[in-house]
Amino acid sequence: MAVLKADQKFAFSITGADEVGNPVPLDGPAPAFTVDRPDVAALTVAEDGFSGEVAATGALGTAVLSVSGTTASGLAYAGSAAVDVVAGDVAGVAFGFGEPEEVTPDA
């Protein structure tokens, strides 16, 4: 899982791996990327089709980034990763006020 503060973004890229973790090149057409919570994270795919950027929208929560594609030889692949968007650093203070109360009795 990746963690982003609500005012941050990061670049991402994908690479292939075989069943024991060895790197495998991803050839073929660019895959399809989706994010299940566009209200939490905005997805931008780069021109190369195999990388991009995820930016927090300001809302807090967890978004899942998913990819699916097919290699040049016709093998399908897919994967996903969670992006947890958390509150940023303190940037200001807000006051909350209760209901006014009488401090001296009415005569």
PDB file of N, CA and C in Angstrom:
ATOM      1  N   MET A   1       0.848  -1.176   0.000  1.00  0.00           N
ATOM      2  CA  MET A   1       0.000   0.000   0.000  1.00  0.00           C
ATOM      3  C   MET A   1       0.891   1.235   0.000  1.00  0.00           C
ATOM      4  N   ALA A   2       0.514   2.213  -0.785  1.00  0.00           N
ATOM      5  CA  ALA A   2       1.190   3.506  -0.789  1.00  0.00           C
ATOM      6  C   ALA A   2       0.385   4.471   0.077  1.00  0.00           C
ATOM      7  N   VAL A   3       1.064   5.423   0.685  1.00  0.00           N
ATOM      8  CA  VAL A   3       0.397   6.422   1.517  1.00  0.00           C
ATOM      9  C   VAL A   3       0.716   7.802   0.958  1.00  0.00           C
ATOM     10  N   LEU A   4      -0.324   8.589   0.788  1.00  0.00           N
ATOM     11  CA  LEU A   4      -0.211   9.978   0.325  1.00  0.00           C
ATOM     12  C   LEU A   4      -0.884  10.889   1.332  1.00  0.00           C
ATOM     13  N   LYS A   5      -0.279  12.041   1.591  1.00  0.00           N
ATOM     14  CA  LYS A   5      -1.002  13.069   2.338  1.00  0.00           C
ATOM     15  C   LYS A   5      -1.985  13.716   1.372  1.00  0.00           C
ATOM     16  N   ALA A   6      -3.011  14.335   1.900  1.00  0.00           N
ATOM     17  CA  ALA A   6      -4.107  14.867   1.088  1.00  0.00           C
ATOM     18  C   ALA A   6      -3.686  15.973   0.129  1.00  0.00           C
ATOM     19  N   ASP A   7      -2.446  16.460   0.259  1.00  0.00           N
ATOM     20  CA  ASP A   7      -1.953  17.512  -0.635  1.00  0.00           C
ATOM     21  C   ASP A   7      -0.723  17.047  -1.419  1.00  0.00           C
ATOM     22  N   GLN A   8      -0.607  15.743  -1.670  1.00  0.00           N
ATOM     23  CA  GLN A   8       0.563  15.200  -2.358  1.00  0.00           C
ATOM     24  C   GLN A   8       0.178  14.403  -3.604  1.00  0.00           C
ATOM     25  N   LYS A   9       1.212  14.078  -4.393  1.00  0.00           N
ATOM     26  CA  LYS A   9       1.069  13.213  -5.552  1.00  0.00           C
ATOM     27  C   LYS A   9       2.358  12.409  -5.690  1.00  0.00           C
ATOM     28  N   PHE A  10       2.324  11.337  -6.476  1.00  0.00           N
ATOM     29  CA  PHE A  10       3.538  10.589  -6.784  1.00  0.00           C
ATOM     30  C   PHE A  10       3.445   9.988  -8.174  1.00  0.00           C
ATOM     31  N   ALA A  11       4.628   9.746  -8.756  1.00  0.00           N
ATOM     32  CA  ALA A  11       4.710   9.067 -10.039  1.00  0.00           C
ATOM     33  C   ALA A  11       4.674   7.562  -9.794  1.00  0.00           C
ATOM     34  N   PHE A  12       4.206   6.804 -10.785  1.00  0.00           N
ATOM     35  CA  PHE A  12       4.219   5.351 -10.695  1.00  0.00           C
ATOM     36  C   PHE A  12       4.611   4.772 -12.049  1.00  0.00           C
ATOM     37  N   SER A  13       5.062   3.545 -12.027  1.00  0.00           N
ATOM     38  CA  SER A  13       5.303   2.784 -13.249  1.00  0.00           C
ATOM     39  C   SER A  13       5.034   1.323 -12.940  1.00  0.00           C
ATOM     40  N   ILE A  14       4.801   0.538 -13.964  1.00  0.00           N
ATOM     41  CA  ILE A  14       4.583  -0.886 -13.760  1.00  0.00           C
ATOM     42  C   ILE A  14       5.686  -1.667 -14.456  1.00  0.00           C
ATOM     43  N   THR A  15       6.005  -2.805 -13.878  1.00  0.00           N
ATOM     44  CA  THR A  15       6.941  -3.751 -14.473  1.00  0.00           C
ATOM     45  C   THR A  15       6.345  -5.134 -14.306  1.00  0.00           C
ATOM     46  N   GLY A  16       6.720  -6.039 -15.189  1.00  0.00           N
ATOM     47  CA  GLY A  16       6.231  -7.395 -15.103  1.00  0.00           C
ATOM     48  C   GLY A  16       7.134  -8.256 -14.242  1.00  0.00           C
ATOM     49  N   ALA A  17       6.574  -9.332 -13.725  1.00  0.00           N
ATOM     50  CA  ALA A  17       7.340 -10.311 -12.948  1.00  0.00           C
ATOM     51  C   ALA A  17       6.751 -11.695 -13.208  1.00  0.00           C
ATOM     52  N   ASP A  18       7.630 -12.702 -13.216  1.00  0.00           N
ATOM     53  CA  ASP A  18       7.121 -14.063 -13.356  1.00  0.00           C
ATOM     54  C   ASP A  18       6.644 -14.579 -12.002  1.00  0.00           C
ATOM     55  N   GLU A  19       6.221 -15.828 -11.935  1.00  0.00           N
ATOM     56  CA  GLU A  19       5.612 -16.348 -10.705  1.00  0.00           C
ATOM     57  C   GLU A  19       6.573 -16.449  -9.527  1.00  0.00           C
ATOM     58  N   VAL A  20       7.883 -16.351  -9.775  1.00  0.00           N
ATOM     59  CA  VAL A  20       8.842 -16.372  -8.661  1.00  0.00           C
ATOM     60  C   VAL A  20       9.515 -15.015  -8.461  1.00  0.00           C
ATOM     61  N   GLY A  21       8.998 -13.972  -9.143  1.00  0.00           N
ATOM     62  CA  GLY A  21       9.467 -12.616  -8.906  1.00  0.00           C
ATOM     63  C   GLY A  21      10.544 -12.106  -9.835  1.00  0.00           C
ATOM     64  N   ASN A  22      10.946 -12.882 -10.823  1.00  0.00           N
ATOM     65  CA  ASN A  22      11.948 -12.411 -11.781  1.00  0.00           C
ATOM     66  C   ASN A  22      11.337 -11.372 -12.706  1.00  0.00           C
ATOM     67  N   PRO A  23      12.090 -10.322 -13.061  1.00  0.00           N
ATOM     68  CA  PRO A  23      11.545  -9.287 -13.947  1.00  0.00           C
ATOM     69  C   PRO A  23      11.269  -9.824 -15.352  1.00  0.00           C
ATOM     70  N   VAL A  24      10.151  -9.404 -15.892  1.00  0.00           N
ATOM     71  CA  VAL A  24       9.736  -9.776 -17.245  1.00  0.00           C
ATOM     72  C   VAL A  24       9.284  -8.493 -17.936  1.00  0.00           C
ATOM     73  N   PRO A  25       9.812  -8.209 -19.121  1.00  0.00           N
ATOM     74  CA  PRO A  25       9.381  -6.985 -19.804  1.00  0.00           C
ATOM     75  C   PRO A  25       7.902  -7.046 -20.203  1.00  0.00           C
ATOM     76  N   LEU A  26       7.246  -5.912 -20.072  1.00  0.00           N
ATOM     77  CA  LEU A  26       5.855  -5.807 -20.520  1.00  0.00           C
ATOM     78  C   LEU A  26       5.876  -5.185 -21.914  1.00  0.00           C
ATOM     79  N   ASP A  27       5.710  -6.031 -22.922  1.00  0.00           N
ATOM     80  CA  ASP A  27       5.647  -5.531 -24.292  1.00  0.00           C
ATOM     81  C   ASP A  27       4.193  -5.560 -24.738  1.00  0.00           C
ATOM     82  N   GLY A  28       3.950  -5.143 -25.911  1.00  0.00           N
ATOM     83  CA  GLY A  28       2.578  -5.142 -26.404  1.00  0.00           C
ATOM     84  C   GLY A  28       1.919  -3.795 -26.207  1.00  0.00           C
ATOM     85  N   PRO A  29       0.627  -3.748 -26.441  1.00  0.00           N
ATOM     86  CA  PRO A  29      -0.085  -2.468 -26.335  1.00  0.00           C
ATOM     87  C   PRO A  29      -0.135  -1.963 -24.895  1.00  0.00           C
ATOM     88  N   ALA A  30      -0.328  -0.678 -24.774  1.00  0.00           N
ATOM     89  CA  ALA A  30      -0.445  -0.071 -23.442  1.00  0.00           C
ATOM     90  C   ALA A  30      -1.641  -0.664 -22.706  1.00  0.00           C
ATOM     91  N   PRO A  31      -1.480  -0.926 -21.413  1.00  0.00           N
ATOM     92  CA  PRO A  31      -2.577  -1.498 -20.627  1.00  0.00           C
ATOM     93  C   PRO A  31      -3.618  -0.439 -20.264  1.00  0.00           C
ATOM     94  N   ALA A  32      -4.685  -0.893 -19.648  1.00  0.00           N
ATOM     95  CA  ALA A  32      -5.743   0.006 -19.163  1.00  0.00           C
ATOM     96  C   ALA A  32      -5.583   0.184 -17.652  1.00  0.00           C
ATOM     97  N   PHE A  33      -5.593   1.418 -17.205  1.00  0.00           N
ATOM     98  CA  PHE A  33      -5.509   1.749 -15.783  1.00  0.00           C
ATOM     99  C   PHE A  33      -6.847   2.300 -15.316  1.00  0.00           C
ATOM    100  N   THR A  34      -7.212   1.993 -14.070  1.00  0.00           N
ATOM    101  CA  THR A  34      -8.406   2.565 -13.453  1.00  0.00           C
ATOM    102  C   THR A  34      -8.112   2.863 -11.989  1.00  0.00           C
ATOM    103  N   VAL A  35      -8.895   3.754 -11.425  1.00  0.00           N
ATOM    104  CA  VAL A  35      -8.868   4.001  -9.984  1.00  0.00           C
ATOM    105  C   VAL A  35     -10.317   3.928  -9.517  1.00  0.00           C
ATOM    106  N   ASP A  36     -10.553   3.173  -8.452  1.00  0.00           N
ATOM    107  CA  ASP A  36     -11.940   2.942  -8.028  1.00  0.00           C
ATOM    108  C   ASP A  36     -12.546   4.098  -7.246  1.00  0.00           C
ATOM    109  N   ARG A  37     -11.723   5.010  -6.744  1.00  0.00           N
ATOM    110  CA  ARG A  37     -12.231   6.152  -5.966  1.00  0.00           C
ATOM    111  C   ARG A  37     -11.658   7.450  -6.526  1.00  0.00           C
ATOM    112  N   PRO A  38     -12.175   7.925  -7.669  1.00  0.00           N
ATOM    113  CA  PRO A  38     -11.658   9.179  -8.232  1.00  0.00           C
ATOM    114  C   PRO A  38     -11.916  10.384  -7.334  1.00  0.00           C
ATOM    115  N   ASP A  39     -12.792  10.227  -6.332  1.00  0.00           N
ATOM    116  CA  ASP A  39     -13.008  11.302  -5.373  1.00  0.00           C
ATOM    117  C   ASP A  39     -11.843  11.399  -4.383  1.00  0.00           C
ATOM    118  N   VAL A  40     -11.031  10.345  -4.280  1.00  0.00           N
ATOM    119  CA  VAL A  40      -9.894  10.297  -3.351  1.00  0.00           C
ATOM    120  C   VAL A  40      -8.574  10.483  -4.081  1.00  0.00           C
ATOM    121  N   ALA A  41      -8.423   9.865  -5.250  1.00  0.00           N
ATOM    122  CA  ALA A  41      -7.164   9.923  -5.997  1.00  0.00           C
ATOM    123  C   ALA A  41      -7.437  10.112  -7.485  1.00  0.00           C
ATOM    124  N   ALA A  42      -6.719  11.044  -8.082  1.00  0.00           N
ATOM    125  CA  ALA A  42      -6.845  11.306  -9.517  1.00  0.00           C
ATOM    126  C   ALA A  42      -5.701  10.608 -10.243  1.00  0.00           C
ATOM    127  N   LEU A  43      -6.018   9.926 -11.316  1.00  0.00           N
ATOM    128  CA  LEU A  43      -5.058   9.142 -12.085  1.00  0.00           C
ATOM    129  C   LEU A  43      -4.771   9.832 -13.406  1.00  0.00           C
ATOM    130  N   THR A  44      -3.478   9.974 -13.723  1.00  0.00           N
ATOM    131  CA  THR A  44      -3.049  10.474 -15.024  1.00  0.00           C
ATOM    132  C   THR A  44      -2.058   9.467 -15.594  1.00  0.00           C
ATOM    133  N   VAL A  45      -2.336   8.941 -16.781  1.00  0.00           N
ATOM    134  CA  VAL A  45      -1.449   7.976 -17.420  1.00  0.00           C
ATOM    135  C   VAL A  45      -0.529   8.732 -18.371  1.00  0.00           C
ATOM    136  N   ALA A  46       0.764   8.400 -18.335  1.00  0.00           N
ATOM    137  CA  ALA A  46       1.762   9.057 -19.180  1.00  0.00           C
ATOM    138  C   ALA A  46       1.639   8.594 -20.632  1.00  0.00           C
ATOM    139  N   GLU A  47       2.301   9.310 -21.516  1.00  0.00           N
ATOM    140  CA  GLU A  47       2.269   8.987 -22.943  1.00  0.00           C
ATOM    141  C   GLU A  47       2.768   7.587 -23.245  1.00  0.00           C
ATOM    142  N   ASP A  48       3.733   7.097 -22.456  1.00  0.00           N
ATOM    143  CA  ASP A  48       4.273   5.752 -22.712  1.00  0.00           C
ATOM    144  C   ASP A  48       3.260   4.654 -22.415  1.00  0.00           C
ATOM    145  N   GLY A  49       2.203   4.979 -21.667  1.00  0.00           N
ATOM    146  CA  GLY A  49       1.147   4.023 -21.363  1.00  0.00           C
ATOM    147  C   GLY A  49       1.456   3.053 -20.241  1.00  0.00           C
ATOM    148  N   PHE A  50       2.681   3.065 -19.722  1.00  0.00           N
ATOM    149  CA  PHE A  50       3.082   2.121 -18.682  1.00  0.00           C
ATOM    150  C   PHE A  50       3.488   2.826 -17.389  1.00  0.00           C
ATOM    151  N   SER A  51       3.215   4.105 -17.296  1.00  0.00           N
ATOM    152  CA  SER A  51       3.542   4.877 -16.094  1.00  0.00           C
ATOM    153  C   SER A  51       2.551   6.028 -16.001  1.00  0.00           C
ATOM    154  N   GLY A  52       2.671   6.800 -14.934  1.00  0.00           N
ATOM    155  CA  GLY A  52       1.772   7.934 -14.768  1.00  0.00           C
ATOM    156  C   GLY A  52       1.945   8.587 -13.425  1.00  0.00           C
ATOM    157  N   GLU A  53       0.863   9.199 -12.974  1.00  0.00           N
ATOM    158  CA  GLU A  53       0.882   9.945 -11.723  1.00  0.00           C
ATOM    159  C   GLU A  53      -0.442   9.733 -10.990  1.00  0.00           C
ATOM    160  N   VAL A  54      -0.359   9.627  -9.675  1.00  0.00           N
ATOM    161  CA  VAL A  54      -1.542   9.573  -8.829  1.00  0.00           C
ATOM    162  C   VAL A  54      -1.479  10.788  -7.911  1.00  0.00           C
ATOM    163  N   ALA A  55      -2.548  11.567  -7.868  1.00  0.00           N
ATOM    164  CA  ALA A  55      -2.601  12.773  -7.043  1.00  0.00           C
ATOM    165  C   ALA A  55      -3.801  12.701  -6.106  1.00  0.00           C
ATOM    166  N   ALA A  56      -3.564  13.029  -4.852  1.00  0.00           N
ATOM    167  CA  ALA A  56      -4.661  13.108  -3.888  1.00  0.00           C
ATOM    168  C   ALA A  56      -5.571  14.264  -4.287  1.00  0.00           C
ATOM    169  N   THR A  57      -6.864  14.111  -4.060  1.00  0.00           N
ATOM    170  CA  THR A  57      -7.823  15.156  -4.410  1.00  0.00           C
ATOM    171  C   THR A  57      -8.155  16.064  -3.230  1.00  0.00           C
ATOM    172  N   GLY A  58      -7.684  15.689  -2.039  1.00  0.00           N
ATOM    173  CA  GLY A  58      -8.018  16.428  -0.824  1.00  0.00           C
ATOM    174  C   GLY A  58      -8.932  15.645   0.090  1.00  0.00           C
ATOM    175  N   ALA A  59      -9.675  14.694  -0.478  1.00  0.00           N
ATOM    176  CA  ALA A  59     -10.544  13.831   0.335  1.00  0.00           C
ATOM    177  C   ALA A  59      -9.701  12.719   0.958  1.00  0.00           C
ATOM    178  N   LEU A  60     -10.112  12.250   2.133  1.00  0.00           N
ATOM    179  CA  LEU A  60      -9.397  11.169   2.799  1.00  0.00           C
ATOM    180  C   LEU A  60     -10.056   9.834   2.483  1.00  0.00           C
ATOM    181  N   GLY A  61      -9.247   8.768   2.417  1.00  0.00           N
ATOM    182  CA  GLY A  61      -9.777   7.439   2.158  1.00  0.00           C
ATOM    183  C   GLY A  61      -8.769   6.583   1.435  1.00  0.00           C
ATOM    184  N   THR A  62      -9.209   5.426   0.982  1.00  0.00           N
ATOM    185  CA  THR A  62      -8.343   4.497   0.265  1.00  0.00           C
ATOM    186  C   THR A  62      -8.886   4.289  -1.140  1.00  0.00           C
ATOM    187  N   ALA A  63      -8.012   4.450  -2.112  1.00  0.00           N
ATOM    188  CA  ALA A  63      -8.352   4.213  -3.512  1.00  0.00           C
ATOM    189  C   ALA A  63      -7.513   3.046  -4.012  1.00  0.00           C
ATOM    190  N   VAL A  64      -8.074   2.244  -4.899  1.00  0.00           N
ATOM    191  CA  VAL A  64      -7.343   1.121  -5.478  1.00  0.00           C
ATOM    192  C   VAL A  64      -7.033   1.440  -6.937  1.00  0.00           C
ATOM    193  N   LEU A  65      -5.734   1.427  -7.255  1.00  0.00           N
ATOM    194  CA  LEU A  65      -5.242   1.626  -8.611  1.00  0.00           C
ATOM    195  C   LEU A  65      -5.110   0.253  -9.252  1.00  0.00           C
ATOM    196  N   SER A  66      -5.729   0.045 -10.402  1.00  0.00           N
ATOM    197  CA  SER A  66      -5.692  -1.262 -11.067  1.00  0.00           C
ATOM    198  C   SER A  66      -5.196  -1.113 -12.492  1.00  0.00           C
ATOM    199  N   VAL A  67      -4.590  -2.190 -12.990  1.00  0.00           N
ATOM    200  CA  VAL A  67      -4.100  -2.230 -14.366  1.00  0.00           C
ATOM    201  C   VAL A  67      -4.410  -3.597 -14.950  1.00  0.00           C
ATOM    202  N   SER A  68      -4.710  -3.630 -16.247  1.00  0.00           N
ATOM    203  CA  SER A  68      -4.864  -4.892 -16.961  1.00  0.00           C
ATOM    204  C   SER A  68      -4.417  -4.681 -18.399  1.00  0.00           C
ATOM    205  N   GLY A  69      -3.760  -5.698 -18.928  1.00  0.00           N
ATOM    206  CA  GLY A  69      -3.252  -5.597 -20.284  1.00  0.00           C
ATOM    207  C   GLY A  69      -2.940  -6.964 -20.852  1.00  0.00           C
ATOM    208  N   THR A  70      -2.388  -6.952 -22.045  1.00  0.00           N
ATOM    209  CA  THR A  70      -2.015  -8.175 -22.752  1.00  0.00           C
ATOM    210  C   THR A  70      -0.650  -7.965 -23.389  1.00  0.00           C
ATOM    211  N   THR A  71       0.241  -8.949 -23.236  1.00  0.00           N
ATOM    212  CA  THR A  71       1.560  -8.851 -23.859  1.00  0.00           C
ATOM    213  C   THR A  71       1.443  -9.047 -25.369  1.00  0.00           C
ATOM    214  N   ALA A  72       2.536  -8.781 -26.071  1.00  0.00           N
ATOM    215  CA  ALA A  72       2.558  -8.958 -27.523  1.00  0.00           C
ATOM    216  C   ALA A  72       2.284 -10.404 -27.917  1.00  0.00           C
ATOM    217  N   SER A  73       2.622 -11.355 -27.037  1.00  0.00           N
ATOM    218  CA  SER A  73       2.375 -12.772 -27.340  1.00  0.00           C
ATOM    219  C   SER A  73       0.980 -13.226 -26.912  1.00  0.00           C
ATOM    220  N   GLY A  74       0.164 -12.303 -26.377  1.00  0.00           N
ATOM    221  CA  GLY A  74      -1.223 -12.628 -26.046  1.00  0.00           C
ATOM    222  C   GLY A  74      -1.474 -13.053 -24.614  1.00  0.00           C
ATOM    223  N   LEU A  75      -0.470 -12.956 -23.732  1.00  0.00           N
ATOM    224  CA  LEU A  75      -0.680 -13.312 -22.328  1.00  0.00           C
ATOM    225  C   LEU A  75      -1.297 -12.137 -21.571  1.00  0.00           C
ATOM    226  N   ALA A  76      -2.372 -12.407 -20.862  1.00  0.00           N
ATOM    227  CA  ALA A  76      -3.050 -11.361 -20.088  1.00  0.00           C
ATOM    228  C   ALA A  76      -2.340 -11.177 -18.748  1.00  0.00           C
ATOM    229  N   TYR A  77      -2.326  -9.947 -18.273  1.00  0.00           N
ATOM    230  CA  TYR A  77      -1.787  -9.654 -16.942  1.00  0.00           C
ATOM    231  C   TYR A  77      -2.669  -8.603 -16.276  1.00  0.00           C
ATOM    232  N   ALA A  78      -2.638  -8.588 -14.959  1.00  0.00           N
ATOM    233  CA  ALA A  78      -3.426  -7.624 -14.194  1.00  0.00           C
ATOM    234  C   ALA A  78      -2.792  -7.461 -12.824  1.00  0.00           C
ATOM    235  N   GLY A  79      -3.074  -6.343 -12.204  1.00  0.00           N
ATOM    236  CA  GLY A  79      -2.593  -6.102 -10.854  1.00  0.00           C
ATOM    237  C   GLY A  79      -3.286  -4.907 -10.253  1.00  0.00           C
ATOM    238  N   SER A  80      -3.126  -4.741  -8.956  1.00  0.00           N
ATOM    239  CA  SER A  80      -3.722  -3.584  -8.286  1.00  0.00           C
ATOM    240  C   SER A  80      -2.896  -3.233  -7.060  1.00  0.00           C
ATOM    241  N   ALA A  81      -3.046  -2.000  -6.617  1.00  0.00           N
ATOM    242  CA  ALA A  81      -2.364  -1.507  -5.422  1.00  0.00           C
ATOM    243  C   ALA A  81      -3.257  -0.476  -4.756  1.00  0.00           C
ATOM    244  N   ALA A  82      -3.264  -0.498  -3.432  1.00  0.00           N
ATOM    245  CA  ALA A  82      -4.063   0.461  -2.668  1.00  0.00           C
ATOM    246  C   ALA A  82      -3.245   1.718  -2.414  1.00  0.00           C
ATOM    247  N   VAL A  83      -3.922   2.853  -2.448  1.00  0.00           N
ATOM    248  CA  VAL A  83      -3.327   4.145  -2.120  1.00  0.00           C
ATOM    249  C   VAL A  83      -4.169   4.734  -0.990  1.00  0.00           C
ATOM    250  N   ASP A  84      -3.556   4.868   0.170  1.00  0.00           N
ATOM    251  CA  ASP A  84      -4.246   5.398   1.342  1.00  0.00           C
ATOM    252  C   ASP A  84      -3.949   6.891   1.448  1.00  0.00           C
ATOM    253  N   VAL A  85      -4.978   7.715   1.356  1.00  0.00           N
ATOM    254  CA  VAL A  85      -4.815   9.171   1.460  1.00  0.00           C
ATOM    255  C   VAL A  85      -5.167   9.586   2.880  1.00  0.00           C
ATOM    256  N   VAL A  86      -4.185  10.209   3.551  1.00  0.00           N
ATOM    257  CA  VAL A  86      -4.323  10.617   4.946  1.00  0.00           C
ATOM    258  C   VAL A  86      -4.235  12.134   5.046  1.00  0.00           C
ATOM    259  N   ALA A  87      -4.605  12.665   6.197  1.00  0.00           N
ATOM    260  CA  ALA A  87      -4.554  14.116   6.403  1.00  0.00           C
ATOM    261  C   ALA A  87      -3.118  14.610   6.278  1.00  0.00           C
ATOM    262  N   GLY A  88      -2.985  15.829   5.787  1.00  0.00           N
ATOM    263  CA  GLY A  88      -1.676  16.463   5.661  1.00  0.00           C
ATOM    264  C   GLY A  88      -1.222  17.052   6.980  1.00  0.00           C
ATOM    265  N   ASP A  89      -0.128  17.801   6.912  1.00  0.00           N
ATOM    266  CA  ASP A  89       0.407  18.459   8.097  1.00  0.00           C
ATOM    267  C   ASP A  89      -0.463  19.653   8.492  1.00  0.00           C
ATOM    268  N   VAL A  90      -0.365  20.055   9.735  1.00  0.00           N
ATOM    269  CA  VAL A  90      -1.130  21.208  10.226  1.00  0.00           C
ATOM    270  C   VAL A  90      -0.728  22.447   9.435  1.00  0.00           C
ATOM    271  N   ALA A  91      -1.722  23.126   8.888  1.00  0.00           N
ATOM    272  CA  ALA A  91      -1.474  24.338   8.118  1.00  0.00           C
ATOM    273  C   ALA A  91      -2.215  25.537   8.701  1.00  0.00           C
ATOM    274  N   GLY A  92      -3.026  25.317   9.695  1.00  0.00           N
ATOM    275  CA  GLY A  92      -3.804  26.400  10.296  1.00  0.00           C
ATOM    276  C   GLY A  92      -4.609  25.853  11.465  1.00  0.00           C
ATOM    277  N   VAL A  93      -5.350  26.730  12.074  1.00  0.00           N
ATOM    278  CA  VAL A  93      -6.174  26.376  13.233  1.00  0.00           C
ATOM    279  C   VAL A  93      -7.577  26.921  12.995  1.00  0.00           C
ATOM    280  N   ALA A  94      -8.573  26.136  13.361  1.00  0.00           N
ATOM    281  CA  ALA A  94      -9.958  26.577  13.273  1.00  0.00           C
ATOM    282  C   ALA A  94     -10.561  26.550  14.680  1.00  0.00           C
ATOM    283  N   PHE A  95     -11.321  27.553  15.020  1.00  0.00           N
ATOM    284  CA  PHE A  95     -12.011  27.599  16.310  1.00  0.00           C
ATOM    285  C   PHE A  95     -13.417  27.064  16.138  1.00  0.00           C
ATOM    286  N   GLY A  96     -13.886  26.341  17.138  1.00  0.00           N
ATOM    287  CA  GLY A  96     -15.275  25.916  17.204  1.00  0.00           C
ATOM    288  C   GLY A  96     -15.910  26.589  18.412  1.00  0.00           C
ATOM    289  N   PHE A  97     -17.073  27.186  18.242  1.00  0.00           N
ATOM    290  CA  PHE A  97     -17.736  27.918  19.322  1.00  0.00           C
ATOM    291  C   PHE A  97     -19.043  27.240  19.698  1.00  0.00           C
ATOM    292  N   GLY A  98     -19.304  27.173  21.007  1.00  0.00           N
ATOM    293  CA  GLY A  98     -20.552  26.627  21.509  1.00  0.00           C
ATOM    294  C   GLY A  98     -21.648  27.693  21.491  1.00  0.00           C
ATOM    295  N   GLU A  99     -22.811  27.298  22.002  1.00  0.00           N
ATOM    296  CA  GLU A  99     -23.944  28.222  22.093  1.00  0.00           C
ATOM    297  C   GLU A  99     -23.673  29.257  23.189  1.00  0.00           C
ATOM    298  N   PRO A 100     -24.069  30.504  22.973  1.00  0.00           N
ATOM    299  CA  PRO A 100     -23.892  31.532  24.010  1.00  0.00           C
ATOM    300  C   PRO A 100     -24.723  31.192  25.262  1.00  0.00           C
ATOM    301  N   GLU A 101     -24.174  31.525  26.426  1.00  0.00           N
ATOM    302  CA  GLU A 101     -24.854  31.308  27.702  1.00  0.00           C
ATOM    303  C   GLU A 101     -24.855  32.606  28.485  1.00  0.00           C
ATOM    304  N   GLU A 102     -25.882  32.778  29.282  1.00  0.00           N
ATOM    305  CA  GLU A 102     -26.002  33.958  30.146  1.00  0.00           C
ATOM    306  C   GLU A 102     -24.936  33.908  31.242  1.00  0.00           C
ATOM    307  N   VAL A 103     -24.204  35.027  31.470  1.00  0.00           N
ATOM    308  CA  VAL A 103     -23.190  35.057  32.534  1.00  0.00           C
ATOM    309  C   VAL A 103     -23.688  35.788  33.761  1.00  0.00           C
ATOM    310  N   THR A 104     -24.714  36.615  33.611  1.00  0.00           N
ATOM    311  CA  THR A 104     -25.329  37.285  34.775  1.00  0.00           C
ATOM    312  C   THR A 104     -26.841  37.090  34.663  1.00  0.00           C
ATOM    313  N   PRO A 105     -27.484  36.853  35.793  1.00  0.00           N
ATOM    314  CA  PRO A 105     -28.932  36.657  35.724  1.00  0.00           C
ATOM    315  C   PRO A 105     -29.647  37.944  35.328  1.00  0.00           C
ATOM    316  N   ASP A 106     -30.705  37.774  34.555  1.00  0.00           N
ATOM    317  CA  ASP A 106     -31.551  38.928  34.206  1.00  0.00           C
ATOM    318  C   ASP A 106     -32.331  39.366  35.451  1.00  0.00           C
ATOM    319  N   ALA A 107     -32.396  40.691  35.676  1.00  0.00           N
ATOM    320  CA  ALA A 107     -33.102  41.173  36.858  1.00  0.00           C
ATOM    321  C   ALA A 107     -34.510  41.534  36.547  1.00  0.00           C
TER     322      ALA A 107
END
